[in-house]
């Protein structure tokens, strides 16, 4: 086991305590770092080795978003190592920040939403619940994961939803009257 692999438990604690990452992000970062350290083997961690790893990943034809996440994981690991005084070079100098295009979410047309609500009323075992979930997502702009995590206590009497988002971020979302009724 290399010296860097011995740092993984501390890195995990760093991500949880100082960065407040969610479970899925934590698992992805740790997997990315394990993959990188396996590739690195006994070579020294340096800008050149990180660039070589990037070339290796490019040959494997990873999607740009996957590459961006992998480099974000490596950058965060280097930041941790830098703070622990295990490396001397600042992480932003070692790990390039790849440019990624932001993809906007697709908009559901009103006609598509009406059709979905009709199909739900015919085919669902619990049409009232499913209609309410679709309306909350569509009219309040919630992600599926945020919607699934909702309970009745998240709906306040004043028409506000208390939502837990990505990374356990909390936010208040106004809900139209028809959504609250549903």
Protein backbone atom coordinates (compact mmCIF):
# COMPACT_ATOMS: atom_id res chain seq x y z
CA UNK A 1 0.00 0.00 0.00
CA UNK A 2 1.46 3.38 -1.01
CA UNK A 3 1.83 6.40 1.27
CA UNK A 4 -0.94 8.15 -0.66
CA UNK A 5 -3.38 5.26 -0.18
CA UNK A 6 -2.81 5.56 3.58
CA UNK A 7 -4.19 9.11 3.32
CA UNK A 8 -7.60 7.96 2.01
CA UNK A 9 -9.31 7.68 5.41
CA UNK A 10 -8.22 11.20 6.35
CA UNK A 11 -9.38 12.41 2.95
CA UNK A 12 -12.78 10.83 3.54
CA UNK A 13 -13.06 12.63 6.90
CA UNK A 14 -11.99 15.88 5.20
CA UNK A 15 -14.75 15.52 2.58
CA UNK A 16 -17.39 14.80 5.19
CA UNK A 17 -16.43 17.35 7.84
CA UNK A 18 -15.01 20.27 5.89
CA UNK A 19 -16.69 19.92 2.51
CA UNK A 20 -20.01 18.43 3.62
CA UNK A 21 -20.34 16.24 0.54
CA UNK A 22 -23.26 13.86 0.16
CA UNK A 23 -23.00 10.06 0.22
CA UNK A 24 -23.01 9.65 -3.55
CA UNK A 25 -20.43 12.38 -4.10
CA UNK A 26 -18.24 10.86 -1.37
CA UNK A 27 -18.42 7.42 -2.98
CA UNK A 28 -17.63 8.86 -6.43
CA UNK A 29 -14.65 10.88 -5.15
CA UNK A 30 -13.20 7.93 -3.26
CA UNK A 31 -13.60 5.66 -6.29
CA UNK A 32 -11.96 8.27 -8.52
CA UNK A 33 -9.00 8.58 -6.14
CA UNK A 34 -8.67 4.80 -5.81
CA UNK A 35 -8.62 4.51 -9.61
CA UNK A 36 -6.02 7.27 -9.85
CA UNK A 37 -3.79 5.77 -7.15
CA UNK A 38 -4.03 2.33 -8.76
CA UNK A 39 -2.93 3.87 -12.05
CA UNK A 40 -0.21 5.92 -10.34
CA UNK A 41 1.21 2.85 -8.56
CA UNK A 42 4.60 3.85 -7.17
CA UNK A 43 5.08 6.92 -9.36
CA UNK A 44 5.35 10.30 -7.72
CA UNK A 45 2.31 12.56 -7.52
CA UNK A 46 3.15 15.55 -9.70
CA UNK A 47 1.69 17.80 -12.38
CA UNK A 48 3.25 15.55 -15.02
CA UNK A 49 1.76 12.37 -13.58
CA UNK A 50 -1.67 14.03 -13.38
CA UNK A 51 -1.36 15.18 -17.00
CA UNK A 52 -0.34 11.65 -18.02
CA UNK A 53 -3.38 10.29 -16.19
CA UNK A 54 -5.54 12.78 -18.10
CA UNK A 55 -4.08 11.51 -21.38
CA UNK A 56 -4.76 7.93 -20.24
CA UNK A 57 -8.41 8.81 -19.48
CA UNK A 58 -8.80 10.61 -22.81
CA UNK A 59 -7.66 7.46 -24.63
CA UNK A 60 -10.40 5.58 -22.83
CA UNK A 61 -12.93 8.08 -24.25
CA UNK A 62 -14.59 9.16 -21.01
CA UNK A 63 -17.35 11.73 -21.32
CA UNK A 64 -16.32 15.33 -20.56
CA UNK A 65 -18.46 15.41 -17.41
CA UNK A 66 -16.86 12.21 -16.13
CA UNK A 67 -13.40 13.66 -16.77
CA UNK A 68 -14.37 16.87 -15.01
CA UNK A 69 -15.54 14.94 -11.94
CA UNK A 70 -12.40 12.78 -11.88
CA UNK A 71 -10.18 15.86 -12.02
CA UNK A 72 -12.31 17.55 -9.38
CA UNK A 73 -11.74 14.50 -7.15
CA UNK A 74 -7.99 14.64 -7.76
CA UNK A 75 -7.92 18.40 -7.16
CA UNK A 76 -9.77 17.94 -3.85
CA UNK A 77 -7.39 15.13 -2.83
CA UNK A 78 -4.41 17.36 -3.64
CA UNK A 79 -5.99 20.17 -1.61
CA UNK A 80 -6.30 17.80 1.34
CA UNK A 81 -2.68 16.66 0.94
CA UNK A 82 -1.52 20.28 0.65
CA UNK A 83 -3.37 21.26 3.84
CA UNK A 84 -1.81 18.27 5.60
CA UNK A 85 1.62 19.41 4.33
CA UNK A 86 2.09 16.13 2.44
CA UNK A 87 2.73 17.95 -0.85
CA UNK A 88 4.38 21.32 -1.42
CA UNK A 89 2.70 22.43 -4.66
CA UNK A 90 -0.69 24.14 -4.53
CA UNK A 91 -3.47 21.97 -6.04
CA UNK A 92 -4.67 24.51 -8.61
CA UNK A 93 -1.16 24.48 -10.08
CA UNK A 94 -1.08 20.67 -10.25
CA UNK A 95 -4.54 19.79 -11.49
CA UNK A 96 -6.03 21.53 -14.52
CA UNK A 97 -9.64 22.63 -14.29
CA UNK A 98 -11.29 21.27 -17.43
CA UNK A 99 -13.83 23.46 -19.14
CA UNK A 100 -17.22 21.84 -19.23
CA UNK A 101 -20.35 22.97 -20.97
CA UNK A 102 -23.33 23.33 -18.72
CA UNK A 103 -26.31 21.46 -20.07
CA UNK A 104 -29.60 23.10 -19.26
CA UNK A 105 -32.44 20.87 -18.10
CA UNK A 106 -35.05 19.97 -20.67
CA UNK A 107 -38.36 21.74 -20.28
CA UNK A 108 -41.52 19.67 -20.13
CA UNK A 109 -44.22 21.13 -22.34
CA UNK A 110 -47.63 21.81 -20.81
CA UNK A 111 -49.23 19.36 -23.26
CA UNK A 112 -46.75 16.65 -22.19
CA UNK A 113 -47.50 17.33 -18.52
CA UNK A 114 -51.26 17.10 -19.12
CA UNK A 115 -50.77 13.81 -20.97
CA UNK A 116 -48.61 12.44 -18.14
CA UNK A 117 -51.25 13.37 -15.55
CA UNK A 118 -53.96 11.65 -17.63
CA UNK A 119 -51.90 8.47 -17.97
CA UNK A 120 -51.18 8.47 -14.24
CA UNK A 121 -54.87 8.67 -13.39
CA UNK A 122 -55.52 5.59 -15.53
CA UNK A 123 -52.49 3.40 -14.79
CA UNK A 124 -51.31 4.25 -11.28
CA UNK A 125 -52.01 2.26 -8.11
CA UNK A 126 -51.94 5.53 -6.18
CA UNK A 127 -52.98 8.24 -8.67
CA UNK A 128 -53.50 11.01 -6.09
CA UNK A 129 -49.99 10.63 -4.70
CA UNK A 130 -48.39 10.34 -8.14
CA UNK A 131 -50.29 13.40 -9.42
CA UNK A 132 -49.13 15.37 -6.38
CA UNK A 133 -45.49 14.32 -6.95
CA UNK A 134 -45.60 15.31 -10.62
CA UNK A 135 -47.15 18.68 -9.76
CA UNK A 136 -44.54 19.35 -7.08
CA UNK A 137 -41.71 18.56 -9.50
CA UNK A 138 -43.20 20.54 -12.37
CA UNK A 139 -44.59 23.58 -10.55
CA UNK A 140 -41.97 23.92 -7.80
CA UNK A 141 -38.90 22.95 -9.84
CA UNK A 142 -37.77 20.09 -7.63
CA UNK A 143 -35.43 17.29 -8.64
CA UNK A 144 -36.75 13.74 -8.49
CA UNK A 145 -34.49 12.95 -5.52
CA UNK A 146 -35.79 16.03 -3.66
CA UNK A 147 -39.37 15.01 -4.34
CA UNK A 148 -38.83 11.45 -3.16
CA UNK A 149 -37.40 12.75 0.13
CA UNK A 150 -40.46 14.89 0.89
CA UNK A 151 -42.80 14.03 3.76
CA UNK A 152 -46.02 15.78 4.77
CA UNK A 153 -44.17 17.72 7.50
CA UNK A 154 -42.13 19.44 4.77
CA UNK A 155 -45.32 21.22 3.61
CA UNK A 156 -45.90 24.29 5.77
CA UNK A 157 -49.33 25.82 6.32
CA UNK A 158 -48.21 29.03 4.59
CA UNK A 159 -47.67 27.19 1.27
CA UNK A 160 -43.91 26.85 1.59
CA UNK A 161 -42.01 23.61 1.05
CA UNK A 162 -38.89 22.83 3.09
CA UNK A 163 -36.63 21.02 0.64
CA UNK A 164 -33.36 19.16 1.20
CA UNK A 165 -31.31 19.47 -1.97
CA UNK A 166 -27.96 18.23 -3.21
CA UNK A 167 -25.32 18.01 -0.51
CA UNK A 168 -28.06 18.31 2.16
CA UNK A 169 -28.56 21.99 1.28
CA UNK A 170 -31.82 23.27 2.72
CA UNK A 171 -34.07 25.72 0.88
CA UNK A 172 -37.59 27.07 1.05
CA UNK A 173 -39.73 26.82 -2.08
CA UNK A 174 -43.13 28.49 -2.55
CA UNK A 175 -45.78 26.02 -3.66
CA UNK A 176 -48.83 27.17 -5.62
CA UNK A 177 -52.21 26.55 -4.01
CA UNK A 178 -53.15 23.74 -6.45
CA UNK A 179 -49.92 21.90 -5.56
CA UNK A 180 -50.60 22.14 -1.83
CA UNK A 181 -54.16 20.91 -2.39
CA UNK A 182 -52.92 17.94 -4.42
